[in-house]
Amino acid sequence: MTFVQPVTLTDRGVRVEPLTLAHVDGLEAAAADGQLWRVRLTSVPEPGQTRGYVEAALAAREDGTRFPFAIIDEASGRVLGTTSFHDILPGPRRLEIGYTWLGRSSQRTSVNTVVKRLLLIHAFEDLCCNTVGWRTDNFNHASQRAIERLGAKRDGVIRGQAQRRDGTIRDTVMYSVTAGEWPEIRAHLDHLLLRHER
């Protein structure tokens, strides 16, 4: 049994809640906002494939390797995107944050920072994780910049680690934050959000 259990997290008008089949239509609309499935470096489902995408995420939740969330705008109830805890390792109390994507209109806003802050608070302060990690495609420079902006450290590159949707093989860039680093990272994220609100 994984140490990650269902939880709903809220802050600054954003709600992160356990993903269910009820989110399928909203996720499909979020993916259509910018036609995100056309981006080679992401795993955003194509039109008509969102239910299968959600079912696969829920199956991974059942086997304890992934816990997927829907990202919701609280004011409108609109699904903005999705994120997950994954590669959950109870022994060393390590997990990663990934499978994250937002509709185009939510990108370059504070939503991603709010979501990451919520997940990190939960991981370090509620679940008592020792390490939280991220991984991204070596060519996904926007994702790398976003992870680095959070304050995560680059651990290295795993060469030939995964297959992209187009069949090509990618190198994967790994990042992490440790429990000892978390207080400073939290202060940094608080500052970023405060600056955004001014």
N, C-alpha and C. Protein backbone atom coordinates (compact mmCIF):
# COMPACT_ATOMS: atom_id res chain seq x y z
N MET A 1 0.85 -1.20 0.00
CA MET A 1 0.00 0.00 0.00
C MET A 1 0.88 1.24 0.00
N THR A 2 0.63 2.14 -0.92
CA THR A 2 1.41 3.37 -1.00
C THR A 2 1.11 4.28 0.18
N PHE A 3 2.08 5.12 0.55
CA PHE A 3 1.84 6.07 1.62
C PHE A 3 1.10 7.31 1.12
N VAL A 4 0.87 7.41 -0.19
CA VAL A 4 0.09 8.51 -0.77
C VAL A 4 -1.38 8.11 -0.77
N GLN A 5 -2.20 8.93 -0.18
CA GLN A 5 -3.63 8.66 -0.08
C GLN A 5 -4.42 9.83 -0.69
N PRO A 6 -5.71 9.62 -1.01
CA PRO A 6 -6.51 10.68 -1.62
C PRO A 6 -6.54 11.95 -0.78
N VAL A 7 -6.36 13.07 -1.44
CA VAL A 7 -6.37 14.36 -0.75
C VAL A 7 -6.77 15.43 -1.77
N THR A 8 -7.47 16.45 -1.29
CA THR A 8 -7.79 17.61 -2.12
C THR A 8 -7.07 18.81 -1.52
N LEU A 9 -6.36 19.56 -2.36
CA LEU A 9 -5.55 20.69 -1.93
C LEU A 9 -6.04 21.95 -2.62
N THR A 10 -6.12 23.07 -1.90
CA THR A 10 -6.60 24.31 -2.51
C THR A 10 -5.75 25.49 -2.07
N ASP A 11 -5.60 26.45 -2.97
CA ASP A 11 -4.92 27.70 -2.66
C ASP A 11 -5.11 28.66 -3.83
N ARG A 12 -5.31 29.92 -3.53
CA ARG A 12 -5.35 30.99 -4.52
C ARG A 12 -6.28 30.67 -5.70
N GLY A 13 -7.44 30.10 -5.39
CA GLY A 13 -8.44 29.84 -6.42
C GLY A 13 -8.19 28.62 -7.27
N VAL A 14 -7.19 27.81 -6.89
CA VAL A 14 -6.88 26.58 -7.63
C VAL A 14 -7.12 25.39 -6.72
N ARG A 15 -7.77 24.37 -7.24
CA ARG A 15 -8.01 23.14 -6.49
C ARG A 15 -7.33 21.96 -7.20
N VAL A 16 -6.64 21.16 -6.44
CA VAL A 16 -6.00 19.95 -6.95
C VAL A 16 -6.73 18.78 -6.28
N GLU A 17 -7.42 17.97 -7.08
CA GLU A 17 -8.25 16.91 -6.51
C GLU A 17 -7.96 15.59 -7.22
N PRO A 18 -8.24 14.46 -6.55
CA PRO A 18 -7.97 13.17 -7.19
C PRO A 18 -8.71 13.04 -8.54
N LEU A 19 -7.97 12.59 -9.53
CA LEU A 19 -8.52 12.43 -10.88
C LEU A 19 -9.55 11.31 -10.90
N THR A 20 -10.67 11.52 -11.61
CA THR A 20 -11.69 10.49 -11.80
C THR A 20 -12.17 10.55 -13.25
N LEU A 21 -12.99 9.59 -13.62
CA LEU A 21 -13.56 9.59 -14.97
C LEU A 21 -14.48 10.79 -15.20
N ALA A 22 -14.96 11.41 -14.11
CA ALA A 22 -15.79 12.61 -14.25
C ALA A 22 -15.01 13.79 -14.84
N HIS A 23 -13.68 13.70 -14.84
CA HIS A 23 -12.86 14.79 -15.37
C HIS A 23 -12.54 14.63 -16.86
N VAL A 24 -12.99 13.55 -17.49
CA VAL A 24 -12.59 13.27 -18.87
C VAL A 24 -12.94 14.42 -19.82
N ASP A 25 -14.21 14.87 -19.80
CA ASP A 25 -14.62 15.93 -20.72
C ASP A 25 -13.85 17.22 -20.48
N GLY A 26 -13.66 17.57 -19.21
CA GLY A 26 -12.92 18.77 -18.88
C GLY A 26 -11.47 18.70 -19.32
N LEU A 27 -10.86 17.54 -19.17
CA LEU A 27 -9.47 17.37 -19.62
C LEU A 27 -9.37 17.45 -21.13
N GLU A 28 -10.35 16.88 -21.82
CA GLU A 28 -10.33 16.95 -23.28
C GLU A 28 -10.44 18.41 -23.74
N ALA A 29 -11.26 19.19 -23.05
CA ALA A 29 -11.38 20.61 -23.39
C ALA A 29 -10.08 21.35 -23.09
N ALA A 30 -9.43 21.01 -21.97
CA ALA A 30 -8.16 21.66 -21.62
C ALA A 30 -7.08 21.34 -22.64
N ALA A 31 -7.05 20.10 -23.11
CA ALA A 31 -6.06 19.70 -24.13
C ALA A 31 -6.32 20.42 -25.45
N ALA A 32 -7.60 20.66 -25.75
CA ALA A 32 -7.95 21.36 -26.99
C ALA A 32 -7.55 22.84 -26.93
N ASP A 33 -7.41 23.37 -25.72
CA ASP A 33 -6.97 24.76 -25.53
C ASP A 33 -5.48 24.84 -25.87
N GLY A 34 -5.20 25.04 -27.14
CA GLY A 34 -3.82 25.07 -27.62
C GLY A 34 -3.41 23.83 -28.39
N GLN A 35 -4.35 22.89 -28.57
CA GLN A 35 -4.06 21.64 -29.28
C GLN A 35 -2.75 21.02 -28.78
N LEU A 36 -2.70 20.78 -27.47
CA LEU A 36 -1.46 20.38 -26.81
C LEU A 36 -0.93 19.03 -27.27
N TRP A 37 -1.79 18.18 -27.80
CA TRP A 37 -1.32 16.87 -28.27
C TRP A 37 -0.37 17.01 -29.46
N ARG A 38 -0.35 18.18 -30.10
CA ARG A 38 0.55 18.38 -31.23
C ARG A 38 2.00 18.65 -30.81
N VAL A 39 2.20 18.90 -29.51
CA VAL A 39 3.55 19.14 -29.00
C VAL A 39 4.25 17.79 -28.86
N ARG A 40 5.33 17.59 -29.60
CA ARG A 40 6.01 16.30 -29.68
C ARG A 40 6.54 15.82 -28.33
N LEU A 41 6.88 16.74 -27.45
CA LEU A 41 7.58 16.37 -26.22
C LEU A 41 6.65 16.11 -25.05
N THR A 42 5.33 16.11 -25.27
CA THR A 42 4.40 15.88 -24.17
C THR A 42 3.61 14.59 -24.41
N SER A 43 2.88 14.18 -23.37
CA SER A 43 2.03 12.99 -23.47
C SER A 43 0.56 13.35 -23.39
N VAL A 44 0.21 14.56 -23.79
CA VAL A 44 -1.19 15.02 -23.73
C VAL A 44 -2.03 14.17 -24.70
N PRO A 45 -3.18 13.67 -24.25
CA PRO A 45 -3.98 12.80 -25.12
C PRO A 45 -4.59 13.54 -26.31
N GLU A 46 -4.65 12.85 -27.42
CA GLU A 46 -5.30 13.39 -28.61
C GLU A 46 -6.81 13.35 -28.44
N PRO A 47 -7.57 14.11 -29.24
CA PRO A 47 -9.03 14.06 -29.14
C PRO A 47 -9.55 12.63 -29.26
N GLY A 48 -10.48 12.29 -28.38
CA GLY A 48 -11.06 10.95 -28.39
C GLY A 48 -10.26 9.92 -27.61
N GLN A 49 -9.09 10.31 -27.11
CA GLN A 49 -8.25 9.36 -26.36
C GLN A 49 -8.15 9.71 -24.88
N THR A 50 -8.89 10.72 -24.46
CA THR A 50 -8.74 11.19 -23.08
C THR A 50 -9.25 10.17 -22.07
N ARG A 51 -10.35 9.47 -22.40
CA ARG A 51 -10.85 8.47 -21.44
C ARG A 51 -9.81 7.38 -21.20
N GLY A 52 -9.18 6.90 -22.27
CA GLY A 52 -8.14 5.89 -22.12
C GLY A 52 -6.95 6.41 -21.31
N TYR A 53 -6.62 7.69 -21.51
CA TYR A 53 -5.54 8.34 -20.77
C TYR A 53 -5.86 8.33 -19.27
N VAL A 54 -7.10 8.71 -18.94
CA VAL A 54 -7.50 8.75 -17.53
C VAL A 54 -7.57 7.33 -16.96
N GLU A 55 -8.10 6.39 -17.71
CA GLU A 55 -8.18 5.00 -17.23
C GLU A 55 -6.79 4.44 -16.94
N ALA A 56 -5.81 4.75 -17.79
CA ALA A 56 -4.43 4.29 -17.55
C ALA A 56 -3.87 4.91 -16.27
N ALA A 57 -4.17 6.20 -16.05
CA ALA A 57 -3.70 6.87 -14.83
C ALA A 57 -4.33 6.24 -13.59
N LEU A 58 -5.62 5.91 -13.69
CA LEU A 58 -6.32 5.31 -12.55
C LEU A 58 -5.82 3.89 -12.28
N ALA A 59 -5.46 3.16 -13.33
CA ALA A 59 -4.89 1.82 -13.15
C ALA A 59 -3.55 1.91 -12.43
N ALA A 60 -2.74 2.92 -12.77
CA ALA A 60 -1.46 3.12 -12.09
C ALA A 60 -1.67 3.49 -10.63
N ARG A 61 -2.77 4.22 -10.34
CA ARG A 61 -3.09 4.54 -8.95
C ARG A 61 -3.42 3.25 -8.18
N GLU A 62 -4.14 2.34 -8.83
CA GLU A 62 -4.49 1.08 -8.17
C GLU A 62 -3.27 0.26 -7.82
N ASP A 63 -2.23 0.29 -8.66
CA ASP A 63 -1.04 -0.52 -8.34
C ASP A 63 -0.02 0.26 -7.49
N GLY A 64 -0.38 1.50 -7.11
CA GLY A 64 0.43 2.23 -6.15
C GLY A 64 1.63 2.96 -6.72
N THR A 65 1.74 3.05 -8.05
CA THR A 65 2.92 3.69 -8.64
C THR A 65 2.67 5.14 -9.04
N ARG A 66 1.42 5.56 -9.07
CA ARG A 66 1.11 6.91 -9.52
C ARG A 66 -0.16 7.37 -8.83
N PHE A 67 -0.23 8.66 -8.48
CA PHE A 67 -1.46 9.22 -7.96
C PHE A 67 -1.79 10.46 -8.77
N PRO A 68 -2.76 10.35 -9.70
CA PRO A 68 -3.09 11.48 -10.59
C PRO A 68 -4.11 12.43 -9.98
N PHE A 69 -3.96 13.70 -10.35
CA PHE A 69 -4.85 14.76 -9.89
C PHE A 69 -5.40 15.54 -11.08
N ALA A 70 -6.59 16.10 -10.91
CA ALA A 70 -7.10 17.12 -11.83
C ALA A 70 -6.83 18.48 -11.21
N ILE A 71 -6.51 19.45 -12.06
CA ILE A 71 -6.29 20.83 -11.63
C ILE A 71 -7.52 21.63 -12.03
N ILE A 72 -8.18 22.24 -11.05
CA ILE A 72 -9.49 22.88 -11.24
C ILE A 72 -9.42 24.36 -10.89
N ASP A 73 -10.06 25.19 -11.71
CA ASP A 73 -10.29 26.59 -11.36
C ASP A 73 -11.51 26.62 -10.44
N GLU A 74 -11.31 27.06 -9.19
CA GLU A 74 -12.40 26.97 -8.21
C GLU A 74 -13.58 27.87 -8.57
N ALA A 75 -13.32 29.03 -9.13
CA ALA A 75 -14.41 29.97 -9.41
C ALA A 75 -15.37 29.42 -10.46
N SER A 76 -14.83 28.81 -11.51
CA SER A 76 -15.66 28.34 -12.63
C SER A 76 -15.91 26.83 -12.61
N GLY A 77 -15.09 26.09 -11.87
CA GLY A 77 -15.18 24.63 -11.90
C GLY A 77 -14.52 24.02 -13.12
N ARG A 78 -13.87 24.85 -13.94
CA ARG A 78 -13.26 24.37 -15.18
C ARG A 78 -12.00 23.57 -14.89
N VAL A 79 -11.83 22.46 -15.62
CA VAL A 79 -10.60 21.67 -15.53
C VAL A 79 -9.51 22.40 -16.32
N LEU A 80 -8.41 22.70 -15.66
CA LEU A 80 -7.31 23.43 -16.29
C LEU A 80 -6.23 22.49 -16.83
N GLY A 81 -6.14 21.28 -16.24
CA GLY A 81 -5.11 20.35 -16.65
C GLY A 81 -4.99 19.23 -15.63
N THR A 82 -3.81 18.62 -15.57
CA THR A 82 -3.61 17.48 -14.69
C THR A 82 -2.16 17.43 -14.22
N THR A 83 -1.93 16.72 -13.13
CA THR A 83 -0.59 16.47 -12.61
C THR A 83 -0.64 15.19 -11.79
N SER A 84 0.50 14.66 -11.43
CA SER A 84 0.54 13.39 -10.69
C SER A 84 1.74 13.34 -9.75
N PHE A 85 1.58 12.61 -8.66
CA PHE A 85 2.70 12.01 -7.96
C PHE A 85 2.96 10.69 -8.68
N HIS A 86 4.22 10.36 -8.93
CA HIS A 86 4.51 9.08 -9.59
C HIS A 86 5.86 8.55 -9.12
N ASP A 87 6.19 7.34 -9.57
CA ASP A 87 7.40 6.66 -9.11
C ASP A 87 7.50 6.77 -7.59
N ILE A 88 6.42 6.35 -6.94
CA ILE A 88 6.25 6.47 -5.49
C ILE A 88 7.01 5.33 -4.81
N LEU A 89 7.99 5.69 -3.97
CA LEU A 89 8.83 4.71 -3.29
C LEU A 89 8.66 4.86 -1.78
N PRO A 90 7.85 3.99 -1.15
CA PRO A 90 7.58 4.14 0.28
C PRO A 90 8.82 3.99 1.16
N GLY A 91 9.73 3.07 0.81
CA GLY A 91 10.91 2.83 1.65
C GLY A 91 11.74 4.08 1.89
N PRO A 92 12.28 4.67 0.82
CA PRO A 92 13.05 5.91 0.99
C PRO A 92 12.18 7.17 1.08
N ARG A 93 10.87 6.98 1.05
CA ARG A 93 9.92 8.10 1.06
C ARG A 93 10.31 9.13 -0.01
N ARG A 94 10.27 8.64 -1.22
CA ARG A 94 10.58 9.48 -2.38
C ARG A 94 9.42 9.35 -3.37
N LEU A 95 9.10 10.45 -4.01
CA LEU A 95 8.16 10.42 -5.12
C LEU A 95 8.55 11.50 -6.10
N GLU A 96 7.95 11.46 -7.27
CA GLU A 96 8.20 12.47 -8.28
C GLU A 96 6.89 13.16 -8.65
N ILE A 97 7.02 14.37 -9.14
CA ILE A 97 5.87 15.12 -9.64
C ILE A 97 6.00 15.18 -11.16
N GLY A 98 4.96 14.76 -11.85
CA GLY A 98 5.04 14.76 -13.30
C GLY A 98 3.69 14.53 -13.95
N TYR A 99 3.73 14.16 -15.23
CA TYR A 99 2.51 14.04 -16.04
C TYR A 99 1.70 15.33 -15.94
N THR A 100 2.41 16.46 -15.86
CA THR A 100 1.77 17.75 -15.64
C THR A 100 1.57 18.48 -16.96
N TRP A 101 0.37 18.90 -17.21
CA TRP A 101 0.11 19.79 -18.34
C TRP A 101 -1.11 20.66 -18.06
N LEU A 102 -1.08 21.85 -18.63
CA LEU A 102 -2.15 22.83 -18.48
C LEU A 102 -2.57 23.32 -19.85
N GLY A 103 -3.86 23.63 -20.01
CA GLY A 103 -4.33 24.25 -21.24
C GLY A 103 -3.57 25.54 -21.51
N ARG A 104 -3.49 25.91 -22.78
CA ARG A 104 -2.69 27.07 -23.17
C ARG A 104 -3.03 28.33 -22.38
N SER A 105 -4.32 28.57 -22.11
CA SER A 105 -4.71 29.81 -21.43
C SER A 105 -4.26 29.84 -19.96
N SER A 106 -3.89 28.69 -19.40
CA SER A 106 -3.40 28.65 -18.02
C SER A 106 -1.88 28.67 -17.94
N GLN A 107 -1.23 28.54 -19.08
CA GLN A 107 0.22 28.58 -19.11
C GLN A 107 0.69 30.03 -18.95
N ARG A 108 1.89 30.19 -18.40
CA ARG A 108 2.46 31.52 -18.15
C ARG A 108 1.59 32.34 -17.19
N THR A 109 0.87 31.64 -16.33
CA THR A 109 0.14 32.28 -15.24
C THR A 109 0.74 31.73 -13.94
N SER A 110 0.13 32.05 -12.81
CA SER A 110 0.64 31.54 -11.54
C SER A 110 0.16 30.12 -11.24
N VAL A 111 -0.71 29.55 -12.08
CA VAL A 111 -1.33 28.26 -11.76
C VAL A 111 -0.29 27.17 -11.52
N ASN A 112 0.70 27.04 -12.39
CA ASN A 112 1.69 25.97 -12.22
C ASN A 112 2.45 26.12 -10.91
N THR A 113 2.82 27.35 -10.56
CA THR A 113 3.54 27.57 -9.30
C THR A 113 2.66 27.24 -8.10
N VAL A 114 1.39 27.63 -8.16
CA VAL A 114 0.45 27.32 -7.07
C VAL A 114 0.32 25.80 -6.90
N VAL A 115 0.17 25.10 -8.01
CA VAL A 115 0.01 23.64 -7.97
C VAL A 115 1.26 22.97 -7.40
N LYS A 116 2.43 23.36 -7.91
CA LYS A 116 3.68 22.75 -7.42
C LYS A 116 3.87 23.03 -5.93
N ARG A 117 3.56 24.25 -5.51
CA ARG A 117 3.70 24.58 -4.09
C ARG A 117 2.76 23.71 -3.24
N LEU A 118 1.51 23.55 -3.67
CA LEU A 118 0.57 22.69 -2.94
C LEU A 118 1.08 21.26 -2.83
N LEU A 119 1.57 20.72 -3.95
CA LEU A 119 2.04 19.33 -3.96
C LEU A 119 3.30 19.17 -3.11
N LEU A 120 4.19 20.15 -3.15
CA LEU A 120 5.41 20.07 -2.36
C LEU A 120 5.12 20.19 -0.86
N ILE A 121 4.22 21.10 -0.49
CA ILE A 121 3.83 21.20 0.92
C ILE A 121 3.28 19.86 1.39
N HIS A 122 2.40 19.27 0.60
CA HIS A 122 1.81 17.98 0.99
C HIS A 122 2.88 16.90 1.08
N ALA A 123 3.78 16.86 0.08
CA ALA A 123 4.81 15.82 0.06
C ALA A 123 5.75 15.92 1.25
N PHE A 124 6.25 17.12 1.53
CA PHE A 124 7.25 17.27 2.58
C PHE A 124 6.65 17.40 3.98
N GLU A 125 5.52 18.10 4.10
CA GLU A 125 5.01 18.41 5.43
C GLU A 125 3.93 17.45 5.91
N ASP A 126 3.23 16.79 5.01
CA ASP A 126 2.20 15.81 5.41
C ASP A 126 2.70 14.37 5.24
N LEU A 127 3.33 14.10 4.09
CA LEU A 127 3.79 12.74 3.80
C LEU A 127 5.21 12.48 4.30
N CYS A 128 5.89 13.52 4.76
CA CYS A 128 7.25 13.41 5.30
C CYS A 128 8.22 12.78 4.30
N CYS A 129 8.11 13.21 3.04
CA CYS A 129 9.04 12.71 2.03
C CYS A 129 10.46 13.22 2.31
N ASN A 130 11.43 12.39 1.94
CA ASN A 130 12.83 12.80 2.01
C ASN A 130 13.27 13.51 0.74
N THR A 131 12.68 13.10 -0.39
CA THR A 131 13.06 13.66 -1.68
C THR A 131 11.85 13.71 -2.59
N VAL A 132 11.74 14.81 -3.35
CA VAL A 132 10.74 14.93 -4.41
C VAL A 132 11.51 15.20 -5.71
N GLY A 133 11.18 14.43 -6.75
CA GLY A 133 11.91 14.56 -8.00
C GLY A 133 11.01 14.96 -9.17
N TRP A 134 11.66 15.33 -10.26
CA TRP A 134 11.01 15.61 -11.54
C TRP A 134 11.87 14.99 -12.63
N ARG A 135 11.26 14.70 -13.76
CA ARG A 135 12.01 14.27 -14.93
C ARG A 135 11.37 14.91 -16.16
N THR A 136 12.19 15.22 -17.14
CA THR A 136 11.65 15.84 -18.35
C THR A 136 12.53 15.51 -19.55
N ASP A 137 11.95 15.66 -20.72
CA ASP A 137 12.66 15.41 -21.98
C ASP A 137 13.84 16.37 -22.10
N ASN A 138 14.96 15.85 -22.61
CA ASN A 138 16.14 16.72 -22.74
C ASN A 138 15.92 17.87 -23.72
N PHE A 139 14.94 17.75 -24.63
CA PHE A 139 14.64 18.84 -25.55
C PHE A 139 13.51 19.74 -25.05
N ASN A 140 12.91 19.41 -23.92
CA ASN A 140 11.82 20.23 -23.39
C ASN A 140 12.42 21.33 -22.50
N HIS A 141 12.99 22.33 -23.15
CA HIS A 141 13.70 23.37 -22.42
C HIS A 141 12.75 24.23 -21.58
N ALA A 142 11.51 24.40 -22.04
CA ALA A 142 10.54 25.17 -21.26
C ALA A 142 10.26 24.46 -19.93
N SER A 143 10.11 23.14 -19.98
CA SER A 143 9.87 22.37 -18.76
C SER A 143 11.08 22.45 -17.84
N GLN A 144 12.27 22.34 -18.40
CA GLN A 144 13.48 22.43 -17.58
C GLN A 144 13.57 23.79 -16.88
N ARG A 145 13.27 24.86 -17.62
CA ARG A 145 13.31 26.19 -17.01
C ARG A 145 12.28 26.31 -15.89
N ALA A 146 11.09 25.74 -16.11
CA ALA A 146 10.03 25.81 -15.09
C ALA A 146 10.44 25.06 -13.82
N ILE A 147 11.05 23.89 -13.99
CA ILE A 147 11.49 23.11 -12.82
C ILE A 147 12.61 23.84 -12.10
N GLU A 148 13.55 24.40 -12.85
CA GLU A 148 14.65 25.13 -12.23
C GLU A 148 14.16 26.39 -11.53
N ARG A 149 13.12 27.02 -12.07
CA ARG A 149 12.55 28.23 -11.45
C ARG A 149 11.97 27.90 -10.06
N LEU A 150 11.53 26.65 -9.89
CA LEU A 150 11.03 26.23 -8.58
C LEU A 150 12.15 26.13 -7.54
N GLY A 151 13.38 25.98 -8.02
CA GLY A 151 14.51 25.83 -7.11
C GLY A 151 15.06 24.41 -7.05
N ALA A 152 14.54 23.51 -7.88
CA ALA A 152 15.03 22.13 -7.89
C ALA A 152 16.45 22.07 -8.45
N LYS A 153 17.21 21.08 -7.98
CA LYS A 153 18.58 20.87 -8.44
C LYS A 153 18.58 19.83 -9.56
N ARG A 154 19.41 20.08 -10.57
CA ARG A 154 19.56 19.14 -11.68
C ARG A 154 20.49 18.00 -11.23
N ASP A 155 19.94 16.78 -11.23
CA ASP A 155 20.72 15.62 -10.78
C ASP A 155 21.56 15.02 -11.90
N GLY A 156 21.08 15.11 -13.14
CA GLY A 156 21.81 14.52 -14.24
C GLY A 156 20.89 14.10 -15.36
N VAL A 157 21.45 13.37 -16.33
CA VAL A 157 20.71 12.93 -17.51
C VAL A 157 20.80 11.42 -17.62
N ILE A 158 19.65 10.78 -17.81
CA ILE A 158 19.62 9.34 -18.09
C ILE A 158 19.45 9.21 -19.60
N ARG A 159 20.44 8.66 -20.25
CA ARG A 159 20.41 8.60 -21.71
C ARG A 159 19.55 7.42 -22.19
N GLY A 160 18.78 7.68 -23.25
CA GLY A 160 17.93 6.63 -23.84
C GLY A 160 16.93 6.06 -22.86
N GLN A 161 16.31 6.91 -22.05
CA GLN A 161 15.50 6.43 -20.93
C GLN A 161 14.04 6.15 -21.29
N ALA A 162 13.49 6.85 -22.31
CA ALA A 162 12.06 6.70 -22.60
C ALA A 162 11.80 6.91 -24.09
N GLN A 163 10.60 6.48 -24.49
CA GLN A 163 10.19 6.63 -25.88
C GLN A 163 9.15 7.74 -25.98
N ARG A 164 9.34 8.64 -26.95
CA ARG A 164 8.37 9.70 -27.19
C ARG A 164 7.18 9.16 -27.97
N ARG A 165 6.12 9.98 -28.05
CA ARG A 165 4.91 9.57 -28.77
C ARG A 165 5.18 9.28 -30.24
N ASP A 166 6.23 9.93 -30.82
CA ASP A 166 6.52 9.70 -32.24
C ASP A 166 7.48 8.53 -32.46
N GLY A 167 7.80 7.81 -31.39
CA GLY A 167 8.65 6.63 -31.51
C GLY A 167 10.13 6.88 -31.29
N THR A 168 10.55 8.16 -31.27
CA THR A 168 11.96 8.45 -31.04
C THR A 168 12.30 8.21 -29.57
N ILE A 169 13.58 7.98 -29.31
CA ILE A 169 14.04 7.71 -27.95
C ILE A 169 14.61 8.99 -27.36
N ARG A 170 14.22 9.28 -26.14
CA ARG A 170 14.65 10.52 -25.50
C ARG A 170 15.65 10.27 -24.39
N ASP A 171 16.48 11.26 -24.14
CA ASP A 171 17.25 11.34 -22.91
C ASP A 171 16.38 12.08 -21.89
N THR A 172 16.49 11.70 -20.62
CA THR A 172 15.65 12.28 -19.58
C THR A 172 16.50 13.05 -18.58
N VAL A 173 16.13 14.31 -18.35
CA VAL A 173 16.83 15.16 -17.38
C VAL A 173 16.13 15.00 -16.03
N MET A 174 16.90 14.68 -14.99
CA MET A 174 16.36 14.44 -13.66
C MET A 174 16.67 15.61 -12.73
N TYR A 175 15.68 15.97 -11.91
CA TYR A 175 15.82 17.03 -10.93
C TYR A 175 15.29 16.54 -9.58
N SER A 176 15.68 17.22 -8.50
CA SER A 176 15.10 16.88 -7.20
C SER A 176 15.24 18.02 -6.20
N VAL A 177 14.42 17.92 -5.15
CA VAL A 177 14.50 18.76 -3.96
C VAL A 177 14.51 17.82 -2.77
N THR A 178 15.36 18.07 -1.79
CA THR A 178 15.41 17.24 -0.58
C THR A 178 14.68 17.93 0.56
N ALA A 179 14.37 17.15 1.59
CA ALA A 179 13.66 17.70 2.75
C ALA A 179 14.46 18.84 3.39
N GLY A 180 15.78 18.71 3.40
CA GLY A 180 16.61 19.77 3.99
C GLY A 180 16.55 21.07 3.20
N GLU A 181 16.33 20.97 1.91
CA GLU A 181 16.24 22.16 1.05
C GLU A 181 14.84 22.79 1.05
N TRP A 182 13.85 22.03 1.49
CA TRP A 182 12.47 22.45 1.35
C TRP A 182 12.15 23.80 2.01
N PRO A 183 12.59 24.08 3.25
CA PRO A 183 12.21 25.37 3.84
C PRO A 183 12.62 26.56 2.97
N GLU A 184 13.81 26.52 2.39
CA GLU A 184 14.25 27.62 1.53
C GLU A 184 13.46 27.65 0.23
N ILE A 185 13.15 26.46 -0.33
CA ILE A 185 12.35 26.39 -1.56
C ILE A 185 10.96 26.94 -1.30
N ARG A 186 10.38 26.60 -0.15
CA ARG A 186 9.04 27.11 0.18
C ARG A 186 9.06 28.63 0.27
N ALA A 187 10.07 29.18 0.92
CA ALA A 187 10.16 30.64 1.02
C ALA A 187 10.30 31.27 -0.37
N HIS A 188 11.04 30.61 -1.24
CA HIS A 188 11.21 31.09 -2.62
C HIS A 188 9.88 31.08 -3.37
N LEU A 189 9.11 29.99 -3.25
CA LEU A 189 7.82 29.89 -3.94
C LEU A 189 6.83 30.91 -3.38
N ASP A 190 6.85 31.10 -2.06
CA ASP A 190 5.98 32.12 -1.45
C ASP A 190 6.30 33.50 -2.03
N HIS A 191 7.58 33.78 -2.18
CA HIS A 191 8.01 35.07 -2.74
C HIS A 191 7.55 35.23 -4.19
N LEU A 192 7.71 34.17 -4.99
CA LEU A 192 7.28 34.23 -6.39
C LEU A 192 5.80 34.54 -6.49
N LEU A 193 4.99 33.89 -5.67
CA LEU A 193 3.54 34.08 -5.74
C LEU A 193 3.15 35.46 -5.21
N LEU A 194 3.82 35.92 -4.17
CA LEU A 194 3.53 37.25 -3.64
C LEU A 194 3.85 38.32 -4.69
N ARG A 195 4.97 38.14 -5.38
CA ARG A 195 5.36 39.09 -6.43
C ARG A 195 4.35 39.08 -7.57
N HIS A 196 3.82 37.89 -7.88
CA HIS A 196 2.84 37.78 -8.97
C HIS A 196 1.53 38.48 -8.60
N GLU A 197 1.19 38.51 -7.31
CA GLU A 197 -0.08 39.10 -6.87
C GLU A 197 -0.02 40.62 -6.81
N ARG A 198 1.16 41.20 -6.83
CA ARG A 198 1.28 42.66 -6.70
C ARG A 198 0.87 43.36 -7.98
